[in-house]
Structures are given as C-alpha cells and as structure tokens.
Amino acid sequence: MIKIENLHKFYGTGESRTEVLKGVSLDIQDGDFMVILGASGSGKSTLLNVISGLEPADAGTVFYNDKNICEMKDAEITRFRKDIIGYVFQQYFLLPNLNIDKNVKMGADLAANGDYRKLIEAVGLADKVKKYPHELSGGEQQRVSIARALAKRPQVLYLDEPTGALDEATGRMVLELICNLQKEIGFTMVMVTHNQNIAEMANTVISMNSGKLVEQYANDNPKSAYEIAW
C-alpha cells in the first residue's frame, strides 16, 4: 500500500513562492486503478510527480509499505524509481535516435527483462520494431512509451494525461490496452487526467482543487474504454 500523509510542495522563492500541494493525505491500495481528476493548476500532476519520486516533497511523508521515500538519499530514490516505478508521460519522451526495439529495451535493461519484445507485441507494434519515433503516429508512440514503462516490470505505473494528445479512437485503444495489461500483470495504476469520463474506468477516483484533495469515492462497476463517453 502507498500511504501519503500531509504532503506539501512549494515552487518558487520569496514573494513568488507558491504552495502547490496543501497537506494532501491519501491511501492507494495494492492493485488499485486510481484516477486523479482536477482542472489545470489543481496540483494533480505535481502530486503524481512527488509520490512517484520524480520530485521531492517539502513536507509530509510518502510510504511504500514501510519505506518513506521522502527520507531517501539521492542514490536510494534513484534505485527506488528504477525498481518500483513505471511512468508514462503525456509527451512520450522517446529517444529519437533509437528505434522502437531499443527504446523499449532501455526500460527492460533496468530490470534485466529479456522478454520485453512480448510487450512490443502486446501493444500491437511487432511489425514496427525497426521504425524510429518520427515514423510513428502519436498513438503508436504512446504505445511504445507504455511498453517501455512496463518493460521495467514496475510495481506501480503512473500515467500523466496519457490520452491528452490523442484523438478519440486512439485514446480509447490506448486506455483499453493499459487496463488489459494491468489485469494481466497485476500492477497498481495511478492516472492523472482532465477527462472525467475516464474516471468511470477506475476503481478509485479522487478530485483535486487548489492543491487539496476535495473528493474521493469508489467505483463498484468500472467500464471499459469503449463504454465511456469521450
């Protein structure tokens, strides 16, 4: 379980210092699919970055079982991200000088995963392993980034607006793929989105506003990506 208690995060200094997270507390159960909703500037992406170890907290704790990542030194937090976390960014961040096979292999190498090509096949790109990112559509690039994140064999997968740059058809396909892989592999998944319809796919939904958690509820009947409105 991930236990977040009284989390604070500031940006800037002096008079421009802004509190972005204002005492957020939250539990994330193992194997959960959680969606974080909120308008731009609500703090949802910052929360994702802090609890995944990409950015440090200014106050509060983030426990993964019995380990508080807020107290980890640089080497420890790097190892934590390597061993525990997968991250799918909205902008893909594929290396342009590497083909698809090698982009995914980068993630696989962190976990000594020799079976990573099965993930490339699972995301429907087995026939494009020699292609480079600029030769792929946006949806295909996002599928590569998902395969790369999962090739690390993470215990927790974080996704920041994974459909934000995709059209409806591609967005639905990507969401269905992610959910099917979660059910098959069994990782915990936390997704930030501004699309409230995607919340209907999750087990747990939280809403943020002005750096605070304002609502949390369980969804007893999650829908598939093809059952929700867009």
Protein backbone atom coordinates (compact mmCIF):
# COMPACT_ATOMS: atom_id res chain seq x y z
CA MET A 1 0.00 0.00 0.00
CA ILE A 2 1.07 3.58 -0.68
CA LYS A 3 0.29 5.88 2.24
CA ILE A 4 0.53 9.64 1.69
CA GLU A 5 0.26 11.89 4.74
CA ASN A 6 0.09 15.71 4.95
CA LEU A 7 2.02 16.26 1.72
CA HIS A 8 3.19 19.80 0.90
CA LYS A 9 5.01 21.08 -2.15
CA PHE A 10 6.17 24.63 -2.97
CA TYR A 11 7.55 26.19 -6.14
CA GLY A 12 9.49 29.43 -6.38
CA THR A 13 11.15 31.57 -3.73
CA GLY A 14 10.47 34.77 -1.85
CA GLU A 15 7.31 36.61 -2.82
CA SER A 16 6.78 34.26 -5.79
CA ARG A 17 6.78 31.17 -3.56
CA THR A 18 3.59 29.20 -4.26
CA GLU A 19 2.16 26.26 -2.35
CA VAL A 20 1.03 23.71 -4.93
CA LEU A 21 0.20 20.79 -2.62
CA LYS A 22 -1.53 21.79 0.61
CA GLY A 23 -1.50 18.90 3.05
CA VAL A 24 -2.67 16.05 0.83
CA SER A 25 -3.33 12.71 2.57
CA LEU A 26 -4.29 9.60 0.63
CA ASP A 27 -4.04 5.79 0.65
CA ILE A 28 -3.54 3.79 -2.55
CA GLN A 29 -4.24 0.08 -2.26
CA ASP A 30 -2.12 -2.56 -3.98
CA GLY A 31 -3.56 -3.47 -7.38
CA ASP A 32 -5.85 -0.44 -7.49
CA PHE A 33 -6.61 1.61 -10.59
CA MET A 34 -6.91 5.19 -9.31
CA VAL A 35 -7.80 8.22 -11.41
CA ILE A 36 -6.91 11.73 -10.21
CA LEU A 37 -9.16 14.45 -11.62
CA GLY A 38 -8.78 18.21 -11.49
CA ALA A 39 -8.54 21.34 -13.59
CA SER A 40 -5.20 22.67 -14.81
CA GLY A 41 -3.30 24.08 -11.84
CA SER A 42 -5.12 21.93 -9.28
CA GLY A 43 -1.90 20.13 -8.32
CA LYS A 44 -2.70 16.70 -9.75
CA SER A 45 0.45 16.35 -11.89
CA THR A 46 2.60 17.67 -9.06
CA LEU A 47 1.07 15.07 -6.75
CA LEU A 48 1.90 12.36 -9.27
CA ASN A 49 5.49 13.58 -9.58
CA VAL A 50 6.02 13.71 -5.81
CA ILE A 51 4.51 10.35 -4.91
CA SER A 52 6.43 8.68 -7.75
CA GLY A 53 9.73 10.10 -6.52
CA LEU A 54 10.34 12.32 -9.54
CA GLU A 55 10.21 15.43 -7.35
CA PRO A 56 10.92 15.85 -3.63
CA ALA A 57 8.23 16.85 -1.15
CA ASP A 58 8.76 19.92 1.05
CA ALA A 59 6.85 18.34 3.94
CA GLY A 60 4.89 15.20 4.66
CA THR A 61 5.51 11.51 4.06
CA VAL A 62 5.03 9.01 1.24
CA PHE A 63 5.28 5.42 2.45
CA TYR A 64 5.60 2.43 0.17
CA ASN A 65 4.80 -0.26 2.72
CA ASP A 66 7.34 0.58 5.44
CA LYS A 67 9.68 2.83 3.42
CA ASN A 68 9.29 6.62 3.43
CA ILE A 69 10.64 7.86 0.10
CA CYS A 70 10.73 11.44 1.43
CA GLU A 71 13.66 10.46 3.64
CA MET A 72 15.65 8.70 0.93
CA LYS A 73 19.03 9.96 -0.25
CA ASP A 74 19.65 10.55 -3.96
CA ALA A 75 21.05 7.08 -4.59
CA GLU A 76 18.16 5.46 -2.72
CA ILE A 77 15.46 7.37 -4.57
CA THR A 78 17.12 6.56 -7.91
CA ARG A 79 17.12 2.87 -7.03
CA PHE A 80 13.51 3.13 -5.86
CA ARG A 81 12.40 4.64 -9.17
CA LYS A 82 14.36 2.01 -11.06
CA ASP A 83 12.96 -0.96 -9.12
CA ILE A 84 9.41 0.09 -8.24
CA ILE A 85 8.07 2.77 -10.60
CA GLY A 86 6.98 2.95 -14.23
CA TYR A 87 5.97 6.34 -15.67
CA VAL A 88 4.07 7.19 -18.85
CA PHE A 89 4.34 10.85 -19.83
CA GLN A 90 1.90 12.79 -21.97
CA GLN A 91 4.68 13.79 -24.37
CA TYR A 92 6.14 10.27 -24.77
CA PHE A 93 9.84 11.25 -24.31
CA LEU A 94 11.11 8.56 -26.67
CA LEU A 95 14.74 8.81 -27.75
CA PRO A 96 14.61 9.92 -31.41
CA ASN A 97 17.91 8.26 -32.37
CA LEU A 98 16.79 4.81 -31.19
CA ASN A 99 14.34 2.54 -32.95
CA ILE A 100 11.28 1.15 -31.17
CA ASP A 101 13.00 -2.05 -30.10
CA LYS A 102 15.86 -0.15 -28.47
CA ASN A 103 13.58 2.42 -26.82
CA VAL A 104 11.67 -0.35 -25.08
CA LYS A 105 14.88 -2.26 -24.34
CA MET A 106 16.07 0.75 -22.32
CA GLY A 107 13.30 0.08 -19.80
CA ALA A 108 13.82 -3.67 -19.96
CA ASP A 109 17.52 -3.36 -19.20
CA LEU A 110 16.73 -1.72 -15.86
CA ALA A 111 15.01 -4.93 -14.77
CA ALA A 112 17.16 -7.42 -16.70
CA ASN A 113 13.99 -8.28 -18.61
CA GLY A 114 14.84 -10.41 -21.61
CA ASP A 115 11.20 -10.87 -22.61
CA TYR A 116 10.49 -7.23 -23.44
CA ARG A 117 9.62 -7.98 -27.06
CA LYS A 118 6.44 -9.67 -25.82
CA LEU A 119 5.32 -6.25 -24.62
CA ILE A 120 6.02 -4.72 -28.02
CA GLU A 121 3.83 -7.44 -29.48
CA ALA A 122 1.16 -6.84 -26.81
CA VAL A 123 0.89 -3.17 -27.76
CA GLY A 124 0.49 -4.13 -31.42
CA LEU A 125 3.82 -2.92 -32.76
CA ALA A 126 5.67 -6.17 -33.50
CA ASP A 127 5.86 -5.19 -37.19
CA LYS A 128 7.41 -1.81 -36.42
CA VAL A 129 10.30 -2.63 -34.09
CA LYS A 130 12.85 -1.19 -36.54
CA LYS A 131 10.95 2.07 -37.00
CA TYR A 132 12.06 5.29 -35.33
CA PRO A 133 9.73 7.55 -33.30
CA HIS A 134 9.32 10.12 -36.09
CA GLU A 135 7.99 7.33 -38.33
CA LEU A 136 5.11 6.55 -35.94
CA SER A 137 1.76 8.19 -35.25
CA GLY A 138 1.07 9.78 -31.86
CA GLY A 139 -0.90 6.75 -30.73
CA GLU A 140 1.89 4.40 -31.76
CA GLN A 141 4.47 6.50 -29.91
CA GLN A 142 2.30 6.41 -26.78
CA ARG A 143 2.07 2.64 -27.07
CA VAL A 144 5.86 2.49 -27.23
CA SER A 145 6.12 4.60 -24.08
CA ILE A 146 3.69 2.24 -22.33
CA ALA A 147 5.71 -0.80 -23.39
CA ARG A 148 8.91 0.89 -22.22
CA ALA A 149 7.41 1.67 -18.80
CA LEU A 150 6.06 -1.86 -18.37
CA ALA A 151 9.30 -3.43 -19.56
CA LYS A 152 10.77 -2.35 -16.23
CA ARG A 153 8.27 -4.70 -14.56
CA PRO A 154 7.13 -1.91 -12.20
CA GLN A 155 5.03 -2.49 -9.13
CA VAL A 156 3.29 0.86 -9.70
CA LEU A 157 2.55 2.52 -13.04
CA TYR A 158 1.96 6.29 -13.09
CA LEU A 159 0.38 7.94 -16.11
CA ASP A 160 0.17 11.70 -16.66
CA GLU A 161 -2.57 12.56 -19.17
CA PRO A 162 -1.73 9.55 -21.38
CA THR A 163 -4.53 10.39 -23.82
CA GLY A 164 -4.17 14.18 -23.75
CA ALA A 165 -2.56 14.37 -27.19
CA LEU A 166 -4.58 11.56 -28.79
CA ASP A 167 -7.75 11.54 -30.85
CA GLU A 168 -10.77 9.67 -29.53
CA ALA A 169 -10.22 6.40 -31.40
CA THR A 170 -6.55 6.20 -30.45
CA GLY A 171 -7.27 7.31 -26.89
CA ARG A 172 -9.81 4.54 -26.38
CA MET A 173 -7.42 1.98 -27.82
CA VAL A 174 -4.57 3.11 -25.54
CA LEU A 175 -6.78 3.08 -22.43
CA GLU A 176 -8.14 -0.38 -23.19
CA LEU A 177 -4.61 -1.66 -23.74
CA ILE A 178 -3.36 -0.25 -20.43
CA CYS A 179 -6.28 -1.70 -18.47
CA ASN A 180 -5.94 -5.13 -20.06
CA LEU A 181 -2.24 -5.20 -19.26
CA GLN A 182 -2.93 -4.17 -15.66
CA LYS A 183 -5.37 -7.04 -15.23
CA GLU A 184 -2.89 -9.45 -16.80
CA ILE A 185 0.21 -8.31 -14.90
CA GLY A 186 -1.35 -7.04 -11.67
CA PHE A 187 0.44 -3.73 -11.05
CA THR A 188 -1.03 -0.74 -9.22
CA MET A 189 -2.00 2.11 -11.55
CA VAL A 190 -2.48 5.83 -10.88
CA MET A 191 -3.58 8.08 -13.74
CA VAL A 192 -3.92 11.86 -13.90
CA THR A 193 -6.48 13.15 -16.38
CA HIS A 194 -8.77 16.11 -17.02
CA ASN A 195 -11.25 13.81 -18.80
CA GLN A 196 -13.91 12.99 -16.21
CA ASN A 197 -15.30 10.18 -18.36
CA ILE A 198 -12.11 8.16 -17.85
CA ALA A 199 -12.91 8.08 -14.13
CA GLU A 200 -15.69 5.60 -14.98
CA MET A 201 -12.97 3.05 -15.79
CA ALA A 202 -11.22 3.32 -12.42
CA ASN A 203 -11.73 1.52 -9.12
CA THR A 204 -10.98 4.66 -7.10
CA VAL A 205 -11.47 8.30 -8.09
CA ILE A 206 -10.12 11.38 -6.36
CA SER A 207 -10.66 15.03 -7.27
CA MET A 208 -8.27 17.87 -6.53
CA ASN A 209 -8.76 21.62 -6.40
CA SER A 210 -6.21 24.29 -5.48
CA GLY A 211 -3.72 21.78 -4.14
CA LYS A 212 -6.17 19.92 -1.92
CA LEU A 213 -7.99 16.61 -2.10
CA VAL A 214 -11.68 17.56 -2.26
CA GLU A 215 -13.41 14.26 -3.05
CA GLN A 216 -12.73 10.53 -3.07
CA TYR A 217 -15.04 7.68 -3.97
CA ALA A 218 -15.01 4.04 -5.03
CA ASN A 219 -16.41 2.89 -8.36
CA ASP A 220 -18.01 -0.53 -7.96
CA ASN A 221 -18.73 -1.02 -11.66
CA PRO A 222 -15.77 0.11 -13.78
CA LYS A 223 -16.45 0.43 -17.51
CA SER A 224 -14.24 -0.40 -20.45
CA ALA A 225 -12.69 2.26 -22.66
CA TYR A 226 -15.36 1.58 -25.27
CA GLU A 227 -18.26 2.03 -22.85
CA ILE A 228 -17.47 5.54 -21.64
CA ALA A 229 -18.37 8.81 -23.32
CA TRP A 230 -15.44 10.88 -24.62
